[in-house]
Amino acid sequence: MSKSPSSAGGEDTVPLVATTTDKISNDPPQLLGSYISRFFSKVFPNYGANASLERAWKYFESIVLPRRMPDGKGGYTKAPPGTSPSALYPAWTTPQRELRDFGTGIAVYFETLRALVVICFVAGLLYYPSIRYYQSDAYSSNQQEVVTNLALKGSLMCSTTTWVPCPSCTLDEWQEESERFFATDDNLTFILKNDCAMLRWQEGANHLAVLVFLIVAIVALGYHQTRLELQYDEDILTASDFSLVVENPPEDATNPQGMAVYSGNCLVLATSKCTHHFFFCACLQNGETSFLSLEM
């Protein structure tokens, strides 16, 4: 990283952004946008004239976007930026186990989305008897012919209506549905009445069954999320997995250099905040992690 000359103080300043051109992989582009930008650069002369579109797209794909590479065990693992050969994660075929490389939260999030899709699909199947009834002539004789919106077919929408007299009705009572109110010059008032069949207890029981299923499914999903979080946390190694926190050291133990030196490959860190001091120590011996207790 080179230094640039200063303006007033006479001192050299370091650029805030370091070049990463040497990290850009030479893998072929996978995104359609790179080909579209090349097409635009040929059609419009000024498009991308002040920059290299090819290098920009390579940087975006190999540095910005996450990529994966073979792990040598028949699967894939997350590749460091600029690694070659590597490829972008497929949007539709990436297995759930590979999402653990992005952290516990990301993996649990997409697992939750998949579970919600299954829950909503099952709830829709449970509603099928009611949908079939609302589509039948037993509920409304001409819903299939009158209702053209597919989203409303099989719903409670009533398409069989009749104008009936209502001497006591006033327009003020029908402000929100003024299209269902009509008055003649002789002050005769009519309202539009639904002639569909009355709701049956079977539909009410169907709604209750779906509600119970959703409650049970959401509670089960919460337990499933907790189990996944623990499972993914065990699979992903973080600094907390190799740390020991001592929250009650002596008040005069403020110098990290005064700590005892242990044999083995130990990592010893010490931080101080206000009057609370925390010391961390972990050892990796014979391929296993062991924590050392600190005696002060």
Protein backbone atom coordinates (compact mmCIF):
# COMPACT_ATOMS: atom_id res chain seq x y z
CA MET A 1 0.00 0.00 0.00
CA SER A 2 1.68 3.18 -1.17
CA LYS A 3 1.64 6.58 0.48
CA SER A 4 0.28 9.72 -1.13
CA PRO A 5 1.78 13.20 -0.64
CA SER A 6 0.09 15.44 1.89
CA SER A 7 -1.34 18.83 1.08
CA ALA A 8 -0.55 21.24 3.91
CA GLY A 9 1.29 19.55 6.75
CA GLY A 10 4.09 18.12 4.64
CA GLU A 11 3.52 14.63 6.04
CA ASP A 12 2.59 11.57 4.03
CA THR A 13 -0.91 10.20 4.43
CA VAL A 14 -1.97 6.63 3.89
CA PRO A 15 -4.94 5.99 1.56
CA LEU A 16 -8.02 4.78 3.38
CA VAL A 17 -8.79 2.14 0.75
CA ALA A 18 -6.18 -0.48 -0.07
CA THR A 19 -6.03 -2.11 -3.45
CA THR A 20 -7.19 -5.71 -3.67
CA THR A 21 -6.59 -6.29 -7.36
CA ASP A 22 -4.13 -9.08 -6.60
CA LYS A 23 -6.90 -10.95 -4.74
CA ILE A 24 -9.43 -10.96 -7.59
CA SER A 25 -9.85 -14.49 -8.91
CA ASN A 26 -9.71 -15.38 -12.59
CA ASP A 27 -12.84 -17.54 -12.51
CA PRO A 28 -15.32 -16.83 -15.32
CA PRO A 29 -18.23 -14.50 -14.43
CA GLN A 30 -21.44 -16.14 -13.30
CA LEU A 31 -23.82 -13.21 -12.93
CA LEU A 32 -25.94 -12.10 -15.87
CA GLY A 33 -25.31 -8.47 -14.97
CA SER A 34 -21.70 -8.63 -16.15
CA TYR A 35 -22.78 -9.66 -19.64
CA ILE A 36 -25.50 -7.00 -19.71
CA SER A 37 -22.98 -4.30 -18.76
CA ARG A 38 -20.68 -5.43 -21.58
CA PHE A 39 -23.59 -5.19 -24.01
CA PHE A 40 -24.44 -1.67 -22.80
CA SER A 41 -20.80 -0.59 -23.16
CA LYS A 42 -20.92 -1.58 -26.82
CA VAL A 43 -24.30 0.03 -27.52
CA PHE A 44 -23.74 3.24 -25.52
CA PRO A 45 -20.22 4.66 -26.07
CA ASN A 46 -20.14 6.60 -22.78
CA TYR A 47 -21.36 3.70 -20.64
CA GLY A 48 -18.48 2.69 -18.35
CA ALA A 49 -16.01 4.90 -20.18
CA ASN A 50 -14.34 6.07 -16.95
CA ALA A 51 -13.94 2.63 -15.38
CA SER A 52 -13.18 -0.97 -16.20
CA LEU A 53 -16.51 -2.79 -16.11
CA GLU A 54 -14.82 -6.18 -16.37
CA ARG A 55 -12.59 -5.57 -13.35
CA ALA A 56 -15.49 -4.05 -11.39
CA TRP A 57 -17.68 -7.11 -11.95
CA LYS A 58 -14.80 -9.46 -11.13
CA TYR A 59 -14.21 -7.58 -7.88
CA PHE A 60 -17.93 -7.73 -7.05
CA GLU A 61 -18.15 -11.48 -7.69
CA SER A 62 -14.85 -12.59 -6.15
CA ILE A 63 -14.55 -10.16 -3.21
CA VAL A 64 -17.98 -8.78 -2.29
CA LEU A 65 -20.21 -11.81 -2.87
CA PRO A 66 -19.65 -15.01 -0.85
CA ARG A 67 -18.14 -17.93 -2.75
CA ARG A 68 -17.57 -21.60 -2.03
CA MET A 69 -14.87 -24.13 -2.87
CA PRO A 70 -14.54 -27.93 -2.53
CA ASP A 71 -13.69 -29.07 0.98
CA GLY A 72 -12.01 -32.31 -0.17
CA LYS A 73 -14.75 -34.44 1.42
CA GLY A 74 -17.28 -34.35 -1.38
CA GLY A 75 -18.87 -31.11 -0.20
CA TYR A 76 -18.16 -27.41 -0.20
CA THR A 77 -16.97 -24.81 2.28
CA LYS A 78 -16.88 -21.02 2.28
CA ALA A 79 -13.94 -19.68 0.27
CA PRO A 80 -11.83 -16.72 1.39
CA PRO A 81 -12.19 -13.61 -0.84
CA GLY A 82 -10.26 -13.95 -4.08
CA THR A 83 -9.78 -17.73 -3.85
CA SER A 84 -9.51 -19.52 -7.19
CA PRO A 85 -10.99 -21.86 -8.22
CA SER A 86 -14.26 -21.04 -6.49
CA ALA A 87 -17.86 -20.37 -7.43
CA LEU A 88 -20.83 -18.37 -6.18
CA TYR A 89 -23.34 -20.09 -3.92
CA PRO A 90 -26.30 -21.31 -6.01
CA ALA A 91 -29.46 -19.42 -5.07
CA TRP A 92 -31.77 -22.46 -5.18
CA THR A 93 -29.61 -25.54 -4.66
CA THR A 94 -27.31 -24.57 -1.77
CA PRO A 95 -27.85 -27.19 0.97
CA GLN A 96 -28.69 -26.15 4.49
CA ARG A 97 -25.46 -27.53 5.95
CA GLU A 98 -23.35 -25.06 3.92
CA LEU A 99 -25.18 -22.06 5.39
CA ARG A 100 -23.52 -22.77 8.74
CA ASP A 101 -20.35 -21.18 7.35
CA PHE A 102 -22.13 -17.80 7.47
CA GLY A 103 -22.86 -18.07 11.18
CA THR A 104 -25.55 -19.50 13.41
CA GLY A 105 -28.04 -16.70 12.80
CA ILE A 106 -27.98 -17.04 9.00
CA ALA A 107 -28.39 -20.82 9.11
CA VAL A 108 -31.28 -20.67 11.60
CA TYR A 109 -32.95 -17.88 9.59
CA PHE A 110 -33.14 -19.88 6.36
CA GLU A 111 -34.13 -23.02 8.24
CA THR A 112 -36.99 -21.01 9.77
CA LEU A 113 -38.09 -19.82 6.32
CA ARG A 114 -38.21 -23.39 5.09
CA ALA A 115 -40.22 -24.46 8.13
CA LEU A 116 -42.69 -21.59 7.64
CA VAL A 117 -43.23 -22.64 4.02
CA VAL A 118 -44.13 -26.15 5.18
CA ILE A 119 -46.42 -24.82 7.92
CA CYS A 120 -48.31 -22.53 5.54
CA PHE A 121 -48.64 -25.31 2.95
CA VAL A 122 -50.10 -27.72 5.51
CA ALA A 123 -52.47 -25.00 6.77
CA GLY A 124 -53.67 -24.47 3.19
CA LEU A 125 -54.35 -28.20 2.81
CA LEU A 126 -56.36 -28.17 6.05
CA TYR A 127 -58.49 -25.33 4.63
CA TYR A 128 -59.26 -27.28 1.47
CA PRO A 129 -62.69 -28.61 2.68
CA SER A 130 -63.89 -25.04 3.35
CA ILE A 131 -62.52 -23.83 0.02
CA ARG A 132 -64.39 -26.58 -1.82
CA TYR A 133 -67.61 -25.66 0.00
CA TYR A 134 -67.32 -21.94 -0.81
CA GLN A 135 -66.74 -22.86 -4.48
CA SER A 136 -69.81 -25.09 -4.66
CA ASP A 137 -73.36 -24.13 -5.62
CA ALA A 138 -74.47 -25.02 -2.11
CA TYR A 139 -72.92 -21.75 -0.90
CA SER A 140 -73.26 -19.48 -3.96
CA SER A 141 -74.94 -20.58 -7.16
CA ASN A 142 -72.92 -18.44 -9.57
CA GLN A 143 -69.60 -17.65 -7.89
CA GLN A 144 -67.59 -19.45 -10.56
CA GLU A 145 -69.13 -17.33 -13.32
CA VAL A 146 -69.28 -13.95 -11.56
CA VAL A 147 -65.98 -13.94 -9.61
CA THR A 148 -63.10 -13.57 -12.07
CA ASN A 149 -60.29 -12.96 -9.56
CA LEU A 150 -58.61 -16.32 -8.88
CA ALA A 151 -57.58 -15.15 -5.41
CA LEU A 152 -61.26 -14.72 -4.46
CA LYS A 153 -62.54 -18.01 -5.85
CA GLY A 154 -63.34 -20.36 -2.98
CA SER A 155 -63.54 -17.48 -0.50
CA LEU A 156 -66.48 -16.16 1.53
CA MET A 157 -67.26 -13.64 -1.20
CA CYS A 158 -70.98 -13.84 -1.99
CA SER A 159 -71.93 -13.36 -5.64
CA THR A 160 -75.67 -14.08 -5.26
CA THR A 161 -77.42 -10.85 -4.24
CA THR A 162 -80.93 -9.36 -4.35
CA TRP A 163 -82.30 -5.84 -3.85
CA VAL A 164 -84.81 -5.87 -0.99
CA PRO A 165 -86.85 -2.97 0.50
CA CYS A 166 -85.67 -1.51 3.79
CA PRO A 167 -87.97 1.34 4.91
CA SER A 168 -85.98 2.06 8.09
CA CYS A 169 -82.55 2.22 6.38
CA THR A 170 -80.84 5.57 5.85
CA LEU A 171 -77.82 6.57 3.79
CA ASP A 172 -75.90 7.56 6.93
CA GLU A 173 -75.96 3.94 8.06
CA TRP A 174 -74.47 2.79 4.75
CA GLN A 175 -71.74 5.36 4.22
CA GLU A 176 -68.99 2.74 4.13
CA GLU A 177 -70.97 0.61 1.64
CA SER A 178 -72.97 3.21 -0.22
CA GLU A 179 -73.05 1.05 -3.36
CA ARG A 180 -75.36 -1.37 -1.49
CA PHE A 181 -77.89 1.38 -0.74
CA PHE A 182 -80.47 2.80 -3.17
CA ALA A 183 -83.30 5.33 -2.74
CA THR A 184 -85.98 6.23 -5.29
CA ASP A 185 -87.58 9.61 -5.87
CA ASP A 186 -90.55 8.45 -3.80
CA ASN A 187 -88.25 7.92 -0.77
CA LEU A 188 -88.36 4.15 -1.11
CA THR A 189 -85.11 2.65 0.13
CA PHE A 190 -83.54 -0.63 -0.89
CA ILE A 191 -80.42 -2.49 0.21
CA LEU A 192 -78.43 -5.20 -1.54
CA LYS A 193 -78.86 -8.44 0.41
CA ASN A 194 -76.62 -11.48 0.18
CA ASP A 195 -78.51 -14.63 -0.74
CA CYS A 196 -75.65 -17.04 -0.11
CA ALA A 197 -76.07 -19.89 2.34
CA MET A 198 -75.55 -19.28 6.04
CA LEU A 199 -72.26 -20.31 7.60
CA ARG A 200 -72.23 -23.84 8.93
CA TRP A 201 -70.59 -25.26 12.03
CA GLN A 202 -68.30 -27.36 9.83
CA GLU A 203 -66.50 -24.23 8.58
CA GLY A 204 -66.15 -22.95 12.15
CA ALA A 205 -64.63 -26.26 13.23
CA ASN A 206 -62.29 -26.09 10.23
CA HIS A 207 -61.05 -22.63 11.27
CA LEU A 208 -60.55 -23.84 14.85
CA ALA A 209 -58.56 -26.88 13.69
CA VAL A 210 -56.26 -24.72 11.56
CA LEU A 211 -55.76 -22.29 14.45
CA VAL A 212 -54.77 -25.12 16.80
CA PHE A 213 -52.38 -26.51 14.18
CA LEU A 214 -50.71 -23.10 13.74
CA ILE A 215 -50.24 -22.67 17.50
CA VAL A 216 -48.70 -26.13 17.89
CA ALA A 217 -46.52 -25.65 14.80
CA ILE A 218 -45.14 -22.28 15.94
CA VAL A 219 -44.34 -23.63 19.42
CA ALA A 220 -42.61 -26.66 17.87
CA LEU A 221 -40.70 -24.34 15.54
CA GLY A 222 -39.42 -22.41 18.55
CA TYR A 223 -38.03 -25.60 20.13
CA HIS A 224 -36.58 -26.59 16.74
CA GLN A 225 -34.80 -23.23 16.44
CA THR A 226 -33.27 -23.65 19.89
CA ARG A 227 -32.03 -27.14 19.03
CA LEU A 228 -30.56 -25.93 15.72
CA GLU A 229 -28.84 -23.01 17.42
CA LEU A 230 -27.13 -25.35 19.86
CA GLN A 231 -26.19 -27.79 17.09
CA TYR A 232 -24.73 -25.11 14.83
CA ASP A 233 -22.91 -23.49 17.73
CA GLU A 234 -21.18 -26.79 18.44
CA ASP A 235 -20.19 -27.17 14.78
CA ILE A 236 -18.81 -23.64 14.38
CA LEU A 237 -15.67 -22.77 16.34
CA THR A 238 -15.49 -19.23 17.71
CA ALA A 239 -13.24 -17.41 20.15
CA SER A 240 -15.70 -18.07 22.96
CA ASP A 241 -15.16 -21.81 22.53
CA PHE A 242 -11.50 -21.37 23.57
CA SER A 243 -11.94 -18.76 26.29
CA LEU A 244 -12.13 -18.76 30.06
CA VAL A 245 -13.43 -15.72 31.87
CA VAL A 246 -12.37 -14.93 35.43
CA GLU A 247 -14.65 -12.26 36.81
CA ASN A 248 -13.27 -12.04 40.35
CA PRO A 249 -9.48 -11.58 40.18
CA PRO A 250 -7.68 -9.70 43.00
CA GLU A 251 -7.99 -5.93 42.87
CA ASP A 252 -4.22 -5.49 42.40
CA ALA A 253 -4.10 -7.90 39.42
CA THR A 254 -3.95 -5.16 36.81
CA ASN A 255 -0.72 -6.07 35.04
CA PRO A 256 -1.03 -8.80 32.37
CA GLN A 257 2.73 -9.32 32.45
CA GLY A 258 2.48 -10.50 36.02
CA MET A 259 0.41 -13.54 35.11
CA ALA A 260 1.97 -16.97 35.40
CA VAL A 261 3.45 -18.49 32.26
CA TYR A 262 2.02 -21.91 31.44
CA SER A 263 3.66 -24.53 29.28
CA GLY A 264 2.08 -25.61 26.00
CA ASN A 265 0.51 -23.64 23.19
CA CYS A 266 -1.50 -21.22 25.32
CA LEU A 267 -3.30 -18.09 24.31
CA VAL A 268 -3.35 -15.56 27.14
CA LEU A 269 -5.22 -12.29 26.81
CA ALA A 270 -6.08 -9.64 29.36
CA THR A 271 -8.38 -6.67 29.12
CA SER A 272 -9.28 -4.01 31.64
CA LYS A 273 -12.43 -1.92 31.79
CA CYS A 274 -12.94 0.41 34.74
CA THR A 275 -12.22 -1.68 37.85
CA HIS A 276 -13.27 -5.01 36.33
CA HIS A 277 -10.48 -7.12 34.85
CA PHE A 278 -10.99 -10.18 32.72
CA PHE A 279 -8.31 -12.73 31.89
CA PHE A 280 -8.61 -15.42 29.24
CA CYS A 281 -6.47 -18.48 28.82
CA ALA A 282 -6.90 -21.59 26.69
CA CYS A 283 -4.54 -24.36 25.62
CA LEU A 284 -4.58 -26.66 22.64
CA GLN A 285 -2.74 -29.86 23.55
CA ASN A 286 -2.77 -33.08 21.56
CA GLY A 287 -5.58 -31.81 19.36
CA GLU A 288 -7.93 -31.18 22.30
CA THR A 289 -8.89 -27.94 23.95
CA SER A 290 -8.36 -27.60 27.71
CA PHE A 291 -8.97 -24.61 29.91
CA LEU A 292 -6.56 -23.50 32.62
CA SER A 293 -7.82 -22.13 35.88
CA LEU A 294 -6.03 -19.03 37.06
CA GLU A 295 -5.01 -18.88 40.72
CA MET A 296 -4.32 -15.37 41.95
